[in-house]
PDB file of all heavy atoms in Angstrom:
ATOM      1  N   ARG A   1      19.961  -2.934 -29.940  1.00  0.00           N
ATOM      2  CA  ARG A   1      21.136  -3.816 -30.021  1.00  0.00           C
ATOM      3  C   ARG A   1      22.155  -3.324 -31.059  1.00  0.00           C
ATOM      4  O   ARG A   1      23.306  -3.836 -31.082  1.00  0.00           O
ATOM      5  CB  ARG A   1      20.733  -5.235 -30.359  1.00  0.00           C
ATOM      6  CG  ARG A   1      19.813  -5.878 -29.318  1.00  0.00           C
ATOM      7  CD  ARG A   1      19.327  -7.212 -29.821  1.00  0.00           C
ATOM      8  NE  ARG A   1      18.508  -7.023 -31.048  1.00  0.00           N
ATOM      9  CZ  ARG A   1      18.074  -8.027 -31.854  1.00  0.00           C
ATOM     10  NH1 ARG A   1      18.447  -9.286 -31.533  1.00  0.00           N
ATOM     11  NH2 ARG A   1      17.356  -7.796 -32.879  1.00  0.00           N
ATOM     12  N   PHE A   2      21.773  -2.414 -31.921  1.00  0.00           N
ATOM     13  CA  PHE A   2      22.588  -2.061 -33.053  1.00  0.00           C
ATOM     14  C   PHE A   2      22.954  -0.598 -33.080  1.00  0.00           C
ATOM     15  O   PHE A   2      22.196   0.251 -32.579  1.00  0.00           O
ATOM     16  CB  PHE A   2      21.876  -2.449 -34.394  1.00  0.00           C
ATOM     17  CG  PHE A   2      21.563  -3.908 -34.451  1.00  0.00           C
ATOM     18  CD1 PHE A   2      20.245  -4.368 -34.390  1.00  0.00           C
ATOM     19  CD2 PHE A   2      22.577  -4.854 -34.551  1.00  0.00           C
ATOM     20  CE1 PHE A   2      19.942  -5.723 -34.436  1.00  0.00           C
ATOM     21  CE2 PHE A   2      22.287  -6.216 -34.616  1.00  0.00           C
ATOM     22  CZ  PHE A   2      21.000  -6.620 -34.535  1.00  0.00           C
ATOM     23  N   ARG A   3      24.082  -0.297 -33.590  1.00  0.00           N
ATOM     24  CA  ARG A   3      24.521   1.049 -33.700  1.00  0.00           C
ATOM     25  C   ARG A   3      23.690   1.850 -34.726  1.00  0.00           C
ATOM     26  O   ARG A   3      23.068   1.244 -35.632  1.00  0.00           O
ATOM     27  CB  ARG A   3      26.014   1.116 -34.088  1.00  0.00           C
ATOM     28  CG  ARG A   3      26.976   0.465 -33.154  1.00  0.00           C
ATOM     29  CD  ARG A   3      28.381   0.564 -33.643  1.00  0.00           C
ATOM     30  NE  ARG A   3      29.314  -0.255 -32.809  1.00  0.00           N
ATOM     31  CZ  ARG A   3      29.964   0.210 -31.780  1.00  0.00           C
ATOM     32  NH1 ARG A   3      29.832   1.446 -31.407  1.00  0.00           N
ATOM     33  NH2 ARG A   3      30.810  -0.554 -31.074  1.00  0.00           N
ATOM     34  N   VAL A   4      23.726   3.166 -34.607  1.00  0.00           N
ATOM     35  CA  VAL A   4      22.987   3.991 -35.536  1.00  0.00           C
ATOM     36  C   VAL A   4      23.398   3.742 -36.989  1.00  0.00           C
ATOM     37  O   VAL A   4      22.541   3.711 -37.904  1.00  0.00           O
ATOM     38  CB  VAL A   4      23.244   5.476 -35.185  1.00  0.00           C
ATOM     39  CG1 VAL A   4      22.717   6.397 -36.269  1.00  0.00           C
ATOM     40  CG2 VAL A   4      22.565   5.829 -33.841  1.00  0.00           C
ATOM     41  N   GLU A   5      24.644   3.460 -37.255  1.00  0.00           N
ATOM     42  CA  GLU A   5      25.138   3.202 -38.596  1.00  0.00           C
ATOM     43  C   GLU A   5      24.386   1.982 -39.198  1.00  0.00           C
ATOM     44  O   GLU A   5      23.924   2.030 -40.338  1.00  0.00           O
ATOM     45  CB  GLU A   5      26.623   2.917 -38.518  1.00  0.00           C
ATOM     46  CG  GLU A   5      27.234   2.559 -39.893  1.00  0.00           C
ATOM     47  CD  GLU A   5      28.730   2.353 -39.790  1.00  0.00           C
ATOM     48  OE1 GLU A   5      29.177   1.471 -39.016  1.00  0.00           O
ATOM     49  OE2 GLU A   5      29.469   3.083 -40.464  1.00  0.00           O
ATOM     50  N   ASP A   6      24.197   0.944 -38.431  1.00  0.00           N
ATOM     51  CA  ASP A   6      23.505  -0.212 -38.918  1.00  0.00           C
ATOM     52  C   ASP A   6      22.036   0.020 -39.092  1.00  0.00           C
ATOM     53  O   ASP A   6      21.396  -0.475 -40.067  1.00  0.00           O
ATOM     54  CB  ASP A   6      23.707  -1.409 -37.934  1.00  0.00           C
ATOM     55  CG  ASP A   6      25.162  -1.798 -37.819  1.00  0.00           C
ATOM     56  OD1 ASP A   6      25.832  -1.817 -38.854  1.00  0.00           O
ATOM     57  OD2 ASP A   6      25.617  -2.088 -36.713  1.00  0.00           O
ATOM     58  N   ILE A   7      21.425   0.806 -38.206  1.00  0.00           N
ATOM     59  CA  ILE A   7      19.987   1.087 -38.272  1.00  0.00           C
ATOM     60  C   ILE A   7      19.661   1.885 -39.524  1.00  0.00           C
ATOM     61  O   ILE A   7      18.749   1.551 -40.238  1.00  0.00           O
ATOM     62  CB  ILE A   7      19.555   1.842 -36.973  1.00  0.00           C
ATOM     63  CG1 ILE A   7      19.601   0.934 -35.744  1.00  0.00           C
ATOM     64  CG2 ILE A   7      18.132   2.434 -37.200  1.00  0.00           C
ATOM     65  CD1 ILE A   7      19.457   1.643 -34.468  1.00  0.00           C
ATOM     66  N   VAL A   8      20.447   2.919 -39.797  1.00  0.00           N
ATOM     67  CA  VAL A   8      20.138   3.791 -40.915  1.00  0.00           C
ATOM     68  C   VAL A   8      20.485   3.100 -42.231  1.00  0.00           C
ATOM     69  O   VAL A   8      19.811   3.259 -43.246  1.00  0.00           O
ATOM     70  CB  VAL A   8      20.980   5.097 -40.805  1.00  0.00           C
ATOM     71  CG1 VAL A   8      20.770   6.007 -42.075  1.00  0.00           C
ATOM     72  CG2 VAL A   8      20.510   5.900 -39.574  1.00  0.00           C
ATOM     73  N   ALA A   9      21.510   2.231 -42.234  1.00  0.00           N
ATOM     74  CA  ALA A   9      21.941   1.566 -43.467  1.00  0.00           C
ATOM     75  C   ALA A   9      21.061   0.370 -43.819  1.00  0.00           C
ATOM     76  O   ALA A   9      21.050  -0.088 -44.952  1.00  0.00           O
ATOM     77  CB  ALA A   9      23.382   1.130 -43.345  1.00  0.00           C
ATOM     78  N   GLU A  10      20.296  -0.125 -42.834  1.00  0.00           N
ATOM     79  CA  GLU A  10      19.559  -1.364 -43.075  1.00  0.00           C
ATOM     80  C   GLU A  10      18.670  -1.372 -44.327  1.00  0.00           C
ATOM     81  O   GLU A  10      18.663  -2.329 -45.091  1.00  0.00           O
ATOM     82  CB  GLU A  10      18.760  -1.730 -41.828  1.00  0.00           C
ATOM     83  CG  GLU A  10      18.067  -3.091 -41.944  1.00  0.00           C
ATOM     84  CD  GLU A  10      17.439  -3.522 -40.595  1.00  0.00           C
ATOM     85  OE1 GLU A  10      16.986  -2.641 -39.842  1.00  0.00           O
ATOM     86  OE2 GLU A  10      17.394  -4.699 -40.332  1.00  0.00           O
ATOM     87  N   PRO A  11      17.882  -0.310 -44.574  1.00  0.00           N
ATOM     88  CA  PRO A  11      17.059  -0.338 -45.791  1.00  0.00           C
ATOM     89  C   PRO A  11      17.890  -0.426 -47.046  1.00  0.00           C
ATOM     90  O   PRO A  11      17.502  -1.105 -47.986  1.00  0.00           O
ATOM     91  CB  PRO A  11      16.287   1.006 -45.745  1.00  0.00           C
ATOM     92  CG  PRO A  11      16.298   1.379 -44.300  1.00  0.00           C
ATOM     93  CD  PRO A  11      17.623   0.897 -43.750  1.00  0.00           C
ATOM     94  N   LEU A  12      19.072   0.236 -47.056  1.00  0.00           N
ATOM     95  CA  LEU A  12      19.911   0.169 -48.241  1.00  0.00           C
ATOM     96  C   LEU A  12      20.452  -1.243 -48.459  1.00  0.00           C
ATOM     97  O   LEU A  12      20.541  -1.752 -49.607  1.00  0.00           O
ATOM     98  CB  LEU A  12      21.082   1.132 -48.047  1.00  0.00           C
ATOM     99  CG  LEU A  12      20.742   2.601 -48.060  1.00  0.00           C
ATOM    100  CD1 LEU A  12      21.906   3.409 -47.487  1.00  0.00           C
ATOM    101  CD2 LEU A  12      20.429   3.067 -49.479  1.00  0.00           C
ATOM    102  N   ILE A  13      20.786  -1.911 -47.373  1.00  0.00           N
ATOM    103  CA  ILE A  13      21.355  -3.318 -47.484  1.00  0.00           C
ATOM    104  C   ILE A  13      20.235  -4.257 -47.925  1.00  0.00           C
ATOM    105  O   ILE A  13      20.460  -5.108 -48.795  1.00  0.00           O
ATOM    106  CB  ILE A  13      21.958  -3.740 -46.120  1.00  0.00           C
ATOM    107  CG1 ILE A  13      23.121  -2.847 -45.779  1.00  0.00           C
ATOM    108  CG2 ILE A  13      22.383  -5.189 -46.158  1.00  0.00           C
ATOM    109  CD1 ILE A  13      23.621  -2.956 -44.348  1.00  0.00           C
ATOM    110  N   ILE A  14      19.058  -4.119 -47.315  1.00  0.00           N
ATOM    111  CA  ILE A  14      17.982  -5.013 -47.677  1.00  0.00           C
ATOM    112  C   ILE A  14      17.607  -4.951 -49.152  1.00  0.00           C
ATOM    113  O   ILE A  14      17.319  -5.973 -49.797  1.00  0.00           O
ATOM    114  CB  ILE A  14      16.714  -4.676 -46.819  1.00  0.00           C
ATOM    115  CG1 ILE A  14      16.977  -5.140 -45.353  1.00  0.00           C
ATOM    116  CG2 ILE A  14      15.490  -5.413 -47.392  1.00  0.00           C
ATOM    117  CD1 ILE A  14      15.903  -4.680 -44.407  1.00  0.00           C
ATOM    118  N   HIS A  15      17.681  -3.749 -49.709  1.00  0.00           N
ATOM    119  CA  HIS A  15      17.273  -3.561 -51.108  1.00  0.00           C
ATOM    120  C   HIS A  15      18.421  -3.693 -52.097  1.00  0.00           C
ATOM    121  O   HIS A  15      18.259  -3.348 -53.323  1.00  0.00           O
ATOM    122  CB  HIS A  15      16.558  -2.236 -51.269  1.00  0.00           C
ATOM    123  CG  HIS A  15      15.125  -2.254 -50.744  1.00  0.00           C
ATOM    124  ND1 HIS A  15      14.074  -2.619 -51.516  1.00  0.00           N
ATOM    125  CD2 HIS A  15      14.637  -2.042 -49.493  1.00  0.00           C
ATOM    126  CE1 HIS A  15      12.970  -2.548 -50.788  1.00  0.00           C
ATOM    127  NE2 HIS A  15      13.304  -2.229 -49.580  1.00  0.00           N
ATOM    128  N   ARG A  16      19.570  -4.191 -51.682  1.00  0.00           N
ATOM    129  CA  ARG A  16      20.674  -4.476 -52.571  1.00  0.00           C
ATOM    130  C   ARG A  16      20.802  -5.954 -52.739  1.00  0.00           C
ATOM    131  O   ARG A  16      20.758  -6.739 -51.757  1.00  0.00           O
ATOM    132  CB  ARG A  16      21.960  -3.820 -52.104  1.00  0.00           C
ATOM    133  CG  ARG A  16      21.972  -2.351 -52.232  1.00  0.00           C
ATOM    134  CD  ARG A  16      23.291  -1.784 -51.747  1.00  0.00           C
ATOM    135  NE  ARG A  16      23.338  -0.323 -51.949  1.00  0.00           N
ATOM    136  CZ  ARG A  16      24.359   0.440 -51.639  1.00  0.00           C
ATOM    137  NH1 ARG A  16      25.439  -0.097 -51.078  1.00  0.00           N
ATOM    138  NH2 ARG A  16      24.336   1.719 -51.856  1.00  0.00           N
ATOM    139  N   GLU A  17      21.083  -6.376 -53.984  1.00  0.00           N
ATOM    140  CA  GLU A  17      21.208  -7.843 -54.204  1.00  0.00           C
ATOM    141  C   GLU A  17      22.554  -8.416 -53.724  1.00  0.00           C
ATOM    142  O   GLU A  17      22.571  -9.489 -53.187  1.00  0.00           O
ATOM    143  CB  GLU A  17      21.098  -8.093 -55.735  1.00  0.00           C
ATOM    144  CG  GLU A  17      19.723  -7.740 -56.260  1.00  0.00           C
ATOM    145  CD  GLU A  17      18.603  -8.495 -55.594  1.00  0.00           C
ATOM    146  OE1 GLU A  17      18.807  -9.714 -55.289  1.00  0.00           O
ATOM    147  OE2 GLU A  17      17.581  -7.940 -55.310  1.00  0.00           O
ATOM    148  N   ALA A  18      23.671  -7.686 -53.913  1.00  0.00           N
ATOM    149  CA  ALA A  18      24.966  -8.210 -53.524  1.00  0.00           C
ATOM    150  C   ALA A  18      25.231  -7.855 -52.072  1.00  0.00           C
ATOM    151  O   ALA A  18      25.449  -6.695 -51.734  1.00  0.00           O
ATOM    152  CB  ALA A  18      26.027  -7.586 -54.406  1.00  0.00           C
ATOM    153  N   ARG A  19      25.193  -8.832 -51.209  1.00  0.00           N
ATOM    154  CA  ARG A  19      25.439  -8.590 -49.771  1.00  0.00           C
ATOM    155  C   ARG A  19      25.877  -9.929 -49.133  1.00  0.00           C
ATOM    156  O   ARG A  19      25.568 -11.005 -49.641  1.00  0.00           O
ATOM    157  CB  ARG A  19      24.210  -8.019 -49.076  1.00  0.00           C
ATOM    158  CG  ARG A  19      22.964  -8.920 -49.185  1.00  0.00           C
ATOM    159  CD  ARG A  19      21.761  -8.175 -48.623  1.00  0.00           C
ATOM    160  NE  ARG A  19      20.575  -9.023 -48.572  1.00  0.00           N
ATOM    161  CZ  ARG A  19      19.720  -9.184 -49.551  1.00  0.00           C
ATOM    162  NH1 ARG A  19      19.906  -8.507 -50.701  1.00  0.00           N
ATOM    163  NH2 ARG A  19      18.669  -9.935 -49.457  1.00  0.00           N
ATOM    164  N   ASP A  20      26.515  -9.852 -48.002  1.00  0.00           N
ATOM    165  CA  ASP A  20      26.879 -11.011 -47.204  1.00  0.00           C
ATOM    166  C   ASP A  20      25.958 -11.089 -45.998  1.00  0.00           C
ATOM    167  O   ASP A  20      25.391 -10.097 -45.564  1.00  0.00           O
ATOM    168  CB  ASP A  20      28.309 -10.875 -46.699  1.00  0.00           C
ATOM    169  CG  ASP A  20      29.315 -10.889 -47.843  1.00  0.00           C
ATOM    170  OD1 ASP A  20      29.009 -11.507 -48.886  1.00  0.00           O
ATOM    171  OD2 ASP A  20      30.403 -10.251 -47.700  1.00  0.00           O
ATOM    172  N   VAL A  21      25.825 -12.266 -45.438  1.00  0.00           N
ATOM    173  CA  VAL A  21      25.007 -12.432 -44.249  1.00  0.00           C
ATOM    174  C   VAL A  21      25.986 -12.908 -43.152  1.00  0.00           C
ATOM    175  O   VAL A  21      26.621 -13.959 -43.281  1.00  0.00           O
ATOM    176  CB  VAL A  21      23.873 -13.463 -44.434  1.00  0.00           C
ATOM    177  CG1 VAL A  21      23.117 -13.669 -43.137  1.00  0.00           C
ATOM    178  CG2 VAL A  21      22.935 -13.002 -45.541  1.00  0.00           C
ATOM    179  N   SER A  22      26.072 -12.107 -42.097  1.00  0.00           N
ATOM    180  CA  SER A  22      26.994 -12.447 -40.982  1.00  0.00           C
ATOM    181  C   SER A  22      26.376 -13.514 -40.104  1.00  0.00           C
ATOM    182  O   SER A  22      25.263 -13.888 -40.265  1.00  0.00           O
ATOM    183  CB  SER A  22      27.330 -11.195 -40.198  1.00  0.00           C
ATOM    184  OG  SER A  22      26.165 -10.721 -39.578  1.00  0.00           O
ATOM    185  N   GLY A  23      27.155 -13.915 -39.152  1.00  0.00           N
ATOM    186  CA  GLY A  23      26.721 -14.990 -38.258  1.00  0.00           C
ATOM    187  C   GLY A  23      25.523 -14.667 -37.417  1.00  0.00           C
ATOM    188  O   GLY A  23      24.852 -15.570 -36.906  1.00  0.00           O
ATOM    189  N   ASP A  24      25.252 -13.378 -37.220  1.00  0.00           N
ATOM    190  CA  ASP A  24      24.112 -12.967 -36.376  1.00  0.00           C
ATOM    191  C   ASP A  24      22.832 -12.879 -37.148  1.00  0.00           C
ATOM    192  O   ASP A  24      21.772 -12.475 -36.677  1.00  0.00           O
ATOM    193  CB  ASP A  24      24.354 -11.689 -35.620  1.00  0.00           C
ATOM    194  CG  ASP A  24      24.571 -10.487 -36.535  1.00  0.00           C
ATOM    195  OD1 ASP A  24      24.404 -10.690 -37.786  1.00  0.00           O
ATOM    196  OD2 ASP A  24      24.837  -9.410 -36.039  1.00  0.00           O
ATOM    197  N   GLY A  25      22.862 -13.230 -38.433  1.00  0.00           N
ATOM    198  CA  GLY A  25      21.680 -13.235 -39.262  1.00  0.00           C
ATOM    199  C   GLY A  25      21.335 -11.916 -39.945  1.00  0.00           C
ATOM    200  O   GLY A  25      20.411 -11.825 -40.726  1.00  0.00           O
ATOM    201  N   ARG A  26      22.159 -10.889 -39.716  1.00  0.00           N
ATOM    202  CA  ARG A  26      21.899  -9.602 -40.356  1.00  0.00           C
ATOM    203  C   ARG A  26      22.702  -9.480 -41.647  1.00  0.00           C
ATOM    204  O   ARG A  26      23.908  -9.795 -41.699  1.00  0.00           O
ATOM    205  CB  ARG A  26      22.308  -8.456 -39.423  1.00  0.00           C
ATOM    206  CG  ARG A  26      21.323  -8.286 -38.277  1.00  0.00           C
ATOM    207  CD  ARG A  26      21.799  -7.241 -37.262  1.00  0.00           C
ATOM    208  NE  ARG A  26      21.966  -5.924 -37.915  1.00  0.00           N
ATOM    209  CZ  ARG A  26      20.959  -5.041 -38.069  1.00  0.00           C
ATOM    210  NH1 ARG A  26      19.740  -5.361 -37.723  1.00  0.00           N
ATOM    211  NH2 ARG A  26      21.214  -3.861 -38.620  1.00  0.00           N
ATOM    212  N   SER A  27      22.039  -9.005 -42.694  1.00  0.00           N
ATOM    213  CA  SER A  27      22.749  -8.796 -43.953  1.00  0.00           C
ATOM    214  C   SER A  27      23.733  -7.627 -43.838  1.00  0.00           C
ATOM    215  O   SER A  27      23.380  -6.589 -43.303  1.00  0.00           O
ATOM    216  CB  SER A  27      21.724  -8.540 -45.065  1.00  0.00           C
ATOM    217  OG  SER A  27      20.845  -9.593 -45.225  1.00  0.00           O
ATOM    218  N   ARG A  28      24.923  -7.788 -44.355  1.00  0.00           N
ATOM    219  CA  ARG A  28      25.907  -6.736 -44.326  1.00  0.00           C
ATOM    220  C   ARG A  28      26.663  -6.715 -45.646  1.00  0.00           C
ATOM    221  O   ARG A  28      26.978  -7.719 -46.210  1.00  0.00           O
ATOM    222  CB  ARG A  28      26.868  -6.890 -43.137  1.00  0.00           C
ATOM    223  CG  ARG A  28      26.278  -6.630 -41.808  1.00  0.00           C
ATOM    224  CD  ARG A  28      27.366  -6.470 -40.761  1.00  0.00           C
ATOM    225  NE  ARG A  28      26.803  -5.996 -39.493  1.00  0.00           N
ATOM    226  CZ  ARG A  28      26.416  -6.896 -38.540  1.00  0.00           C
ATOM    227  NH1 ARG A  28      26.517  -8.167 -38.758  1.00  0.00           N
ATOM    228  NH2 ARG A  28      25.925  -6.436 -37.379  1.00  0.00           N
ATOM    229  N   PRO A  29      27.072  -5.517 -46.127  1.00  0.00           N
ATOM    230  CA  PRO A  29      27.846  -5.414 -47.341  1.00  0.00           C
ATOM    231  C   PRO A  29      29.327  -5.700 -47.020  1.00  0.00           C
ATOM    232  O   PRO A  29      29.722  -5.802 -45.894  1.00  0.00           O
ATOM    233  CB  PRO A  29      27.652  -3.928 -47.729  1.00  0.00           C
ATOM    234  CG  PRO A  29      27.493  -3.243 -46.428  1.00  0.00           C
ATOM    235  CD  PRO A  29      26.734  -4.212 -45.525  1.00  0.00           C
ATOM    236  N   SER A  30      30.113  -5.810 -48.066  1.00  0.00           N
ATOM    237  CA  SER A  30      31.553  -6.026 -47.884  1.00  0.00           C
ATOM    238  C   SER A  30      32.332  -5.161 -48.838  1.00  0.00           C
ATOM    239  O   SER A  30      31.776  -4.553 -49.816  1.00  0.00           O
ATOM    240  CB  SER A  30      31.863  -7.496 -48.152  1.00  0.00           C
ATOM    241  OG  SER A  30      31.516  -7.889 -49.455  1.00  0.00           O
ATOM    242  N   GLY A  31      33.620  -5.009 -48.597  1.00  0.00           N
ATOM    243  CA  GLY A  31      34.529  -4.257 -49.495  1.00  0.00           C
ATOM    244  C   GLY A  31      34.151  -2.812 -49.627  1.00  0.00           C
ATOM    245  O   GLY A  31      33.814  -2.113 -48.693  1.00  0.00           O
ATOM    246  N   GLN A  32      34.225  -2.340 -50.876  1.00  0.00           N
ATOM    247  CA  GLN A  32      33.956  -0.964 -51.180  1.00  0.00           C
ATOM    248  C   GLN A  32      32.546  -0.518 -50.760  1.00  0.00           C
ATOM    249  O   GLN A  32      32.314   0.646 -50.407  1.00  0.00           O
ATOM    250  CB  GLN A  32      34.188  -0.675 -52.670  1.00  0.00           C
ATOM    251  CG  GLN A  32      33.972   0.772 -53.103  1.00  0.00           C
ATOM    252  CD  GLN A  32      34.978   1.722 -52.415  1.00  0.00           C
ATOM    253  OE1 GLN A  32      36.129   1.343 -52.215  1.00  0.00           O
ATOM    254  NE2 GLN A  32      34.500   2.872 -52.071  1.00  0.00           N
ATOM    255  N   ALA A  33      31.637  -1.481 -50.843  1.00  0.00           N
ATOM    256  CA  ALA A  33      30.249  -1.141 -50.487  1.00  0.00           C
ATOM    257  C   ALA A  33      30.136  -0.612 -49.075  1.00  0.00           C
ATOM    258  O   ALA A  33      29.314   0.258 -48.770  1.00  0.00           O
ATOM    259  CB  ALA A  33      29.353  -2.381 -50.677  1.00  0.00           C
ATOM    260  N   LYS A  34      30.983  -1.101 -48.142  1.00  0.00           N
ATOM    261  CA  LYS A  34      30.962  -0.606 -46.779  1.00  0.00           C
ATOM    262  C   LYS A  34      31.380   0.860 -46.687  1.00  0.00           C
ATOM    263  O   LYS A  34      30.721   1.625 -45.965  1.00  0.00           O
ATOM    264  CB  LYS A  34      31.919  -1.450 -45.935  1.00  0.00           C
ATOM    265  CG  LYS A  34      31.437  -2.823 -45.533  1.00  0.00           C
ATOM    266  CD  LYS A  34      32.391  -3.501 -44.571  1.00  0.00           C
ATOM    267  CE  LYS A  34      31.882  -4.881 -44.153  1.00  0.00           C
ATOM    268  NZ  LYS A  34      32.796  -5.531 -43.174  1.00  0.00           N
ATOM    269  N   LEU A  35      32.336   1.236 -47.493  1.00  0.00           N
ATOM    270  CA  LEU A  35      32.733   2.626 -47.448  1.00  0.00           C
ATOM    271  C   LEU A  35      31.681   3.506 -48.051  1.00  0.00           C
ATOM    272  O   LEU A  35      31.425   4.631 -47.539  1.00  0.00           O
ATOM    273  CB  LEU A  35      34.043   2.773 -48.250  1.00  0.00           C
ATOM    274  CG  LEU A  35      35.274   2.099 -47.667  1.00  0.00           C
ATOM    275  CD1 LEU A  35      36.509   2.231 -48.606  1.00  0.00           C
ATOM    276  CD2 LEU A  35      35.606   2.637 -46.259  1.00  0.00           C
ATOM    277  N   ASP A  36      31.066   3.026 -49.130  1.00  0.00           N
ATOM    278  CA  ASP A  36      29.965   3.778 -49.772  1.00  0.00           C
ATOM    279  C   ASP A  36      28.784   3.970 -48.793  1.00  0.00           C
ATOM    280  O   ASP A  36      28.168   5.028 -48.730  1.00  0.00           O
ATOM    281  CB  ASP A  36      29.518   3.083 -51.020  1.00  0.00           C
ATOM    282  CG  ASP A  36      30.552   3.072 -52.126  1.00  0.00           C
ATOM    283  OD1 ASP A  36      31.494   3.889 -52.055  1.00  0.00           O
ATOM    284  OD2 ASP A  36      30.460   2.229 -53.035  1.00  0.00           O
TER     285      ASP A  36
END
């Protein structure tokens, strides 16, 4: 269901404290963190 970008980034997002949770229940970063 998810793009390669989300699959590879998921461990990084899970192990970061500052993150947003979108409506589908998956944690996602915002702002500059997305570019990084």
